[in-house]
Amino acid sequence: KFKVLKIIHLRLHLLYEEVTMNKKQLKFLRSESHQIKPLFQLGKNGLTEEFIHQIDLALEKRELIKFHILQNSDEELKDVTSEIANQLGAEIIQVIGSTAILYRPARQTKNQKLSLRVNALR
């Protein structure tokens, strides 16, 4: 299962530049994340190619997402979050309890509402 994920990672890593953020930007994104609800739940199927693809699409559209890991999952939240962030070129904003928050600036300018505000904080 991880061979397929590594191929996706290589393909997506070429599309996205590394995201580096300062403390002010992280604090801003944490405060913005309080208003959003988790979009995805990771369950007993674990980390799949489809799950990563759905997160990729959501990050492109929303830039900031939350996902939740269910109790019946065998995966560790920190490991899963790191794997997804590495593959998709996203920044881990926070991992707390069973919820993780990821951020990645959108490539399309029409979806760059949040990233414009984040970049203004540099």
N, C-alpha and C. Protein backbone atom coordinates (compact mmCIF):
# COMPACT_ATOMS: atom_id res chain seq x y z
N LYS A 1 0.82 -1.19 0.00
CA LYS A 1 0.00 0.00 0.00
C LYS A 1 0.87 1.25 0.00
N PHE A 2 2.05 1.18 0.62
CA PHE A 2 2.89 2.38 0.67
C PHE A 2 3.66 2.60 -0.63
N LYS A 3 3.82 1.55 -1.48
CA LYS A 3 4.49 1.76 -2.78
C LYS A 3 3.66 2.67 -3.66
N VAL A 4 2.37 2.45 -3.68
CA VAL A 4 1.47 3.30 -4.46
C VAL A 4 1.49 4.72 -3.93
N LEU A 5 1.50 4.86 -2.60
CA LEU A 5 1.51 6.18 -2.00
C LEU A 5 2.80 6.92 -2.31
N LYS A 6 3.93 6.20 -2.39
CA LYS A 6 5.20 6.86 -2.71
C LYS A 6 5.22 7.36 -4.14
N ILE A 7 4.60 6.63 -5.05
CA ILE A 7 4.50 7.09 -6.44
C ILE A 7 3.67 8.36 -6.52
N ILE A 8 2.57 8.38 -5.79
CA ILE A 8 1.74 9.59 -5.76
C ILE A 8 2.52 10.73 -5.16
N HIS A 9 3.27 10.44 -4.10
CA HIS A 9 4.08 11.47 -3.45
C HIS A 9 5.07 12.09 -4.42
N LEU A 10 5.75 11.28 -5.18
CA LEU A 10 6.73 11.80 -6.14
C LEU A 10 6.06 12.68 -7.19
N ARG A 11 4.90 12.26 -7.64
CA ARG A 11 4.19 13.02 -8.66
C ARG A 11 3.68 14.35 -8.10
N LEU A 12 3.12 14.33 -6.91
CA LEU A 12 2.57 15.54 -6.32
C LEU A 12 3.66 16.47 -5.79
N HIS A 13 4.78 15.90 -5.34
CA HIS A 13 5.86 16.71 -4.81
C HIS A 13 6.42 17.65 -5.88
N LEU A 14 6.36 17.22 -7.12
CA LEU A 14 6.83 18.06 -8.21
C LEU A 14 5.89 19.23 -8.47
N LEU A 15 4.63 19.08 -8.09
CA LEU A 15 3.64 20.12 -8.35
C LEU A 15 3.64 21.22 -7.30
N TYR A 16 4.03 20.89 -6.09
CA TYR A 16 3.91 21.84 -4.99
C TYR A 16 5.28 22.16 -4.41
N GLU A 17 5.48 23.43 -4.12
CA GLU A 17 6.70 23.84 -3.45
C GLU A 17 6.53 23.66 -1.95
N GLU A 18 7.64 23.59 -1.25
CA GLU A 18 7.60 23.42 0.20
C GLU A 18 6.96 24.64 0.86
N VAL A 19 6.14 24.39 1.85
CA VAL A 19 5.47 25.46 2.58
C VAL A 19 6.24 25.66 3.88
N THR A 20 6.77 26.87 4.08
CA THR A 20 7.41 27.20 5.35
C THR A 20 6.65 28.38 5.95
N MET A 21 6.36 28.27 7.23
CA MET A 21 5.50 29.26 7.86
C MET A 21 6.12 29.76 9.15
N ASN A 22 5.82 31.01 9.48
CA ASN A 22 6.29 31.55 10.75
C ASN A 22 5.20 31.38 11.82
N LYS A 23 5.52 31.73 13.04
CA LYS A 23 4.59 31.52 14.16
C LYS A 23 3.30 32.33 14.02
N LYS A 24 3.42 33.52 13.48
CA LYS A 24 2.24 34.37 13.30
C LYS A 24 1.26 33.72 12.32
N GLN A 25 1.79 33.15 11.25
CA GLN A 25 0.93 32.48 10.27
C GLN A 25 0.29 31.23 10.86
N LEU A 26 1.07 30.44 11.61
CA LEU A 26 0.51 29.24 12.24
C LEU A 26 -0.60 29.60 13.23
N LYS A 27 -0.39 30.64 14.00
CA LYS A 27 -1.39 31.08 14.96
C LYS A 27 -2.67 31.52 14.24
N PHE A 28 -2.50 32.25 13.14
CA PHE A 28 -3.65 32.69 12.35
C PHE A 28 -4.43 31.49 11.81
N LEU A 29 -3.72 30.51 11.27
CA LEU A 29 -4.39 29.33 10.70
C LEU A 29 -5.06 28.49 11.78
N ARG A 30 -4.45 28.39 12.95
CA ARG A 30 -5.11 27.67 14.05
C ARG A 30 -6.41 28.36 14.43
N SER A 31 -6.39 29.69 14.48
CA SER A 31 -7.62 30.41 14.83
C SER A 31 -8.68 30.24 13.74
N GLU A 32 -8.26 30.23 12.48
CA GLU A 32 -9.22 30.01 11.38
C GLU A 32 -9.79 28.60 11.41
N SER A 33 -9.01 27.65 11.87
CA SER A 33 -9.46 26.25 11.86
C SER A 33 -10.54 25.97 12.90
N HIS A 34 -10.67 26.83 13.90
CA HIS A 34 -11.71 26.62 14.92
C HIS A 34 -13.11 26.66 14.31
N GLN A 35 -13.26 27.38 13.22
CA GLN A 35 -14.57 27.56 12.61
C GLN A 35 -14.97 26.43 11.67
N ILE A 36 -14.01 25.59 11.29
CA ILE A 36 -14.34 24.54 10.32
C ILE A 36 -14.54 23.20 11.01
N LYS A 37 -15.35 22.37 10.39
CA LYS A 37 -15.60 21.03 10.90
C LYS A 37 -14.76 20.03 10.09
N PRO A 38 -14.45 18.87 10.70
CA PRO A 38 -13.68 17.87 9.95
C PRO A 38 -14.43 17.42 8.69
N LEU A 39 -13.70 17.40 7.58
CA LEU A 39 -14.29 16.98 6.30
C LEU A 39 -14.23 15.48 6.09
N PHE A 40 -13.21 14.85 6.66
CA PHE A 40 -12.96 13.43 6.40
C PHE A 40 -12.77 12.68 7.70
N GLN A 41 -13.08 11.37 7.64
CA GLN A 41 -12.84 10.48 8.76
C GLN A 41 -12.03 9.29 8.25
N LEU A 42 -10.97 9.00 8.95
CA LEU A 42 -10.14 7.86 8.61
C LEU A 42 -10.56 6.71 9.51
N GLY A 43 -11.02 5.62 8.91
CA GLY A 43 -11.55 4.51 9.68
C GLY A 43 -10.74 3.24 9.53
N LYS A 44 -11.44 2.12 9.56
CA LYS A 44 -10.76 0.82 9.57
C LYS A 44 -10.05 0.50 8.26
N ASN A 45 -10.40 1.17 7.17
CA ASN A 45 -9.70 0.93 5.90
C ASN A 45 -8.30 1.52 5.89
N GLY A 46 -8.03 2.43 6.80
CA GLY A 46 -6.70 3.01 6.90
C GLY A 46 -6.45 4.04 5.82
N LEU A 47 -5.19 4.35 5.63
CA LEU A 47 -4.76 5.36 4.66
C LEU A 47 -4.74 4.74 3.27
N THR A 48 -5.62 5.19 2.41
CA THR A 48 -5.72 4.66 1.06
C THR A 48 -5.39 5.74 0.04
N GLU A 49 -5.17 5.31 -1.19
CA GLU A 49 -4.91 6.24 -2.28
C GLU A 49 -6.10 7.18 -2.49
N GLU A 50 -7.29 6.65 -2.38
CA GLU A 50 -8.51 7.45 -2.55
C GLU A 50 -8.63 8.51 -1.45
N PHE A 51 -8.31 8.14 -0.21
CA PHE A 51 -8.37 9.09 0.90
C PHE A 51 -7.40 10.25 0.65
N ILE A 52 -6.19 9.93 0.22
CA ILE A 52 -5.19 10.97 -0.06
C ILE A 52 -5.64 11.84 -1.23
N HIS A 53 -6.22 11.23 -2.24
CA HIS A 53 -6.71 11.98 -3.39
C HIS A 53 -7.82 12.95 -2.98
N GLN A 54 -8.73 12.50 -2.13
CA GLN A 54 -9.82 13.36 -1.67
C GLN A 54 -9.28 14.53 -0.84
N ILE A 55 -8.28 14.27 0.00
CA ILE A 55 -7.68 15.35 0.78
C ILE A 55 -6.98 16.33 -0.15
N ASP A 56 -6.32 15.82 -1.18
CA ASP A 56 -5.64 16.68 -2.16
C ASP A 56 -6.64 17.61 -2.83
N LEU A 57 -7.78 17.09 -3.24
CA LEU A 57 -8.81 17.91 -3.88
C LEU A 57 -9.37 18.96 -2.90
N ALA A 58 -9.58 18.54 -1.66
CA ALA A 58 -10.12 19.47 -0.67
C ALA A 58 -9.12 20.57 -0.34
N LEU A 59 -7.84 20.23 -0.26
CA LEU A 59 -6.83 21.25 0.00
C LEU A 59 -6.75 22.25 -1.15
N GLU A 60 -6.90 21.78 -2.35
CA GLU A 60 -6.86 22.69 -3.50
C GLU A 60 -8.04 23.66 -3.48
N LYS A 61 -9.17 23.16 -3.04
CA LYS A 61 -10.38 23.98 -3.03
C LYS A 61 -10.46 24.89 -1.80
N ARG A 62 -10.10 24.37 -0.62
CA ARG A 62 -10.31 25.09 0.64
C ARG A 62 -9.04 25.62 1.29
N GLU A 63 -7.91 25.02 1.00
CA GLU A 63 -6.58 25.36 1.53
C GLU A 63 -6.37 24.94 2.98
N LEU A 64 -7.39 24.93 3.80
CA LEU A 64 -7.29 24.54 5.20
C LEU A 64 -8.37 23.51 5.49
N ILE A 65 -7.95 22.33 5.94
CA ILE A 65 -8.93 21.27 6.21
C ILE A 65 -8.62 20.59 7.54
N LYS A 66 -9.66 19.96 8.06
CA LYS A 66 -9.56 19.13 9.26
C LYS A 66 -9.99 17.73 8.88
N PHE A 67 -9.32 16.74 9.48
CA PHE A 67 -9.83 15.39 9.36
C PHE A 67 -9.71 14.70 10.71
N HIS A 68 -10.50 13.66 10.86
CA HIS A 68 -10.67 12.98 12.14
C HIS A 68 -10.33 11.51 11.95
N ILE A 69 -9.64 10.93 12.92
CA ILE A 69 -9.37 9.49 12.85
C ILE A 69 -10.31 8.79 13.84
N LEU A 70 -10.98 7.76 13.36
CA LEU A 70 -11.95 7.05 14.19
C LEU A 70 -11.26 6.07 15.13
N GLN A 71 -11.95 5.68 16.19
CA GLN A 71 -11.37 4.76 17.17
C GLN A 71 -11.10 3.38 16.59
N ASN A 72 -11.85 2.97 15.56
CA ASN A 72 -11.67 1.64 15.00
C ASN A 72 -10.52 1.57 13.99
N SER A 73 -9.81 2.66 13.79
CA SER A 73 -8.68 2.69 12.86
C SER A 73 -7.43 2.16 13.55
N ASP A 74 -6.63 1.41 12.79
CA ASP A 74 -5.36 0.89 13.31
C ASP A 74 -4.23 1.89 13.15
N GLU A 75 -4.49 2.98 12.45
CA GLU A 75 -3.46 3.98 12.16
C GLU A 75 -3.25 4.94 13.33
N GLU A 76 -2.03 5.44 13.45
CA GLU A 76 -1.71 6.48 14.43
C GLU A 76 -1.88 7.84 13.75
N LEU A 77 -2.55 8.76 14.40
CA LEU A 77 -2.87 10.05 13.80
C LEU A 77 -1.63 10.83 13.38
N LYS A 78 -0.62 10.86 14.22
CA LYS A 78 0.59 11.62 13.88
C LYS A 78 1.30 11.03 12.67
N ASP A 79 1.36 9.70 12.59
CA ASP A 79 2.00 9.04 11.45
C ASP A 79 1.24 9.31 10.16
N VAL A 80 -0.08 9.17 10.22
CA VAL A 80 -0.93 9.40 9.04
C VAL A 80 -0.83 10.85 8.59
N THR A 81 -0.88 11.77 9.53
CA THR A 81 -0.82 13.18 9.20
C THR A 81 0.51 13.53 8.56
N SER A 82 1.60 13.01 9.09
CA SER A 82 2.92 13.26 8.51
C SER A 82 3.01 12.69 7.09
N GLU A 83 2.49 11.50 6.90
CA GLU A 83 2.52 10.87 5.59
C GLU A 83 1.73 11.69 4.57
N ILE A 84 0.55 12.11 4.94
CA ILE A 84 -0.28 12.91 4.03
C ILE A 84 0.39 14.25 3.73
N ALA A 85 0.89 14.91 4.76
CA ALA A 85 1.55 16.21 4.56
C ALA A 85 2.76 16.08 3.65
N ASN A 86 3.55 15.04 3.83
CA ASN A 86 4.72 14.82 2.97
C ASN A 86 4.33 14.56 1.53
N GLN A 87 3.32 13.75 1.34
CA GLN A 87 2.91 13.39 -0.02
C GLN A 87 2.27 14.56 -0.76
N LEU A 88 1.53 15.39 -0.04
CA LEU A 88 0.78 16.45 -0.71
C LEU A 88 1.45 17.82 -0.61
N GLY A 89 2.59 17.90 0.06
CA GLY A 89 3.27 19.18 0.20
C GLY A 89 2.50 20.13 1.08
N ALA A 90 1.84 19.60 2.10
CA ALA A 90 1.03 20.42 3.00
C ALA A 90 1.77 20.68 4.30
N GLU A 91 1.29 21.63 5.03
CA GLU A 91 1.84 21.98 6.34
C GLU A 91 0.90 21.46 7.41
N ILE A 92 1.45 20.79 8.42
CA ILE A 92 0.64 20.35 9.56
C ILE A 92 0.47 21.54 10.49
N ILE A 93 -0.75 21.97 10.66
CA ILE A 93 -1.02 23.11 11.53
C ILE A 93 -1.17 22.66 12.97
N GLN A 94 -1.90 21.57 13.17
CA GLN A 94 -2.11 21.08 14.53
C GLN A 94 -2.58 19.64 14.49
N VAL A 95 -2.13 18.86 15.45
CA VAL A 95 -2.64 17.51 15.68
C VAL A 95 -3.03 17.48 17.15
N ILE A 96 -4.31 17.33 17.38
CA ILE A 96 -4.80 17.35 18.77
C ILE A 96 -5.90 16.32 18.93
N GLY A 97 -5.77 15.48 19.94
CA GLY A 97 -6.75 14.42 20.16
C GLY A 97 -6.78 13.48 18.97
N SER A 98 -7.92 13.36 18.34
CA SER A 98 -8.06 12.51 17.16
C SER A 98 -8.30 13.33 15.90
N THR A 99 -7.94 14.61 15.94
CA THR A 99 -8.18 15.52 14.82
C THR A 99 -6.87 16.14 14.35
N ALA A 100 -6.72 16.27 13.05
CA ALA A 100 -5.54 16.90 12.46
C ALA A 100 -5.99 18.03 11.53
N ILE A 101 -5.15 19.06 11.44
CA ILE A 101 -5.43 20.22 10.59
C ILE A 101 -4.28 20.39 9.63
N LEU A 102 -4.60 20.46 8.34
CA LEU A 102 -3.59 20.62 7.29
C LEU A 102 -3.87 21.89 6.48
N TYR A 103 -2.78 22.49 6.00
CA TYR A 103 -2.89 23.69 5.15
C TYR A 103 -1.95 23.53 3.96
N ARG A 104 -2.46 23.94 2.80
CA ARG A 104 -1.63 24.04 1.60
C ARG A 104 -2.22 25.12 0.72
N PRO A 105 -1.40 26.08 0.29
CA PRO A 105 -1.92 27.12 -0.61
C PRO A 105 -2.42 26.50 -1.91
N ALA A 106 -3.51 27.02 -2.41
CA ALA A 106 -4.07 26.53 -3.68
C ALA A 106 -3.23 27.01 -4.85
N ARG A 107 -3.19 26.21 -5.89
CA ARG A 107 -2.47 26.60 -7.11
C ARG A 107 -3.30 27.55 -7.95
N GLN A 108 -4.60 27.35 -7.99
CA GLN A 108 -5.48 28.20 -8.80
C GLN A 108 -5.78 29.48 -8.04
N THR A 109 -5.67 30.60 -8.73
CA THR A 109 -5.87 31.90 -8.07
C THR A 109 -7.29 32.08 -7.55
N LYS A 110 -8.27 31.48 -8.18
CA LYS A 110 -9.65 31.64 -7.70
C LYS A 110 -9.87 30.99 -6.33
N ASN A 111 -9.01 30.04 -5.95
CA ASN A 111 -9.13 29.37 -4.65
C ASN A 111 -8.18 29.92 -3.60
N GLN A 112 -7.44 30.96 -3.91
CA GLN A 112 -6.41 31.47 -3.00
C GLN A 112 -6.93 32.56 -2.07
N LYS A 113 -8.04 32.34 -1.46
CA LYS A 113 -8.59 33.33 -0.53
C LYS A 113 -7.82 33.35 0.78
N LEU A 114 -7.62 32.20 1.36
CA LEU A 114 -6.94 32.10 2.65
C LEU A 114 -5.43 32.34 2.51
N SER A 115 -4.84 31.81 1.46
CA SER A 115 -3.38 31.95 1.31
C SER A 115 -2.95 33.39 1.11
N LEU A 116 -3.80 34.22 0.52
CA LEU A 116 -3.47 35.63 0.38
C LEU A 116 -3.39 36.31 1.74
N ARG A 117 -4.29 35.93 2.63
CA ARG A 117 -4.27 36.48 3.99
C ARG A 117 -3.07 35.95 4.78
N VAL A 118 -2.72 34.69 4.55
CA VAL A 118 -1.57 34.10 5.24
C VAL A 118 -0.28 34.76 4.76
N ASN A 119 -0.15 34.96 3.47
CA ASN A 119 1.06 35.58 2.92
C ASN A 119 1.23 37.03 3.37
N ALA A 120 0.14 37.70 3.67
CA ALA A 120 0.20 39.07 4.15
C ALA A 120 0.81 39.15 5.56
N LEU A 121 0.85 38.02 6.26
CA LEU A 121 1.39 37.99 7.62
C LEU A 121 2.90 37.74 7.66
N ARG A 122 3.54 37.63 6.53
CA ARG A 122 5.00 37.37 6.50
C ARG A 122 5.78 38.52 7.02
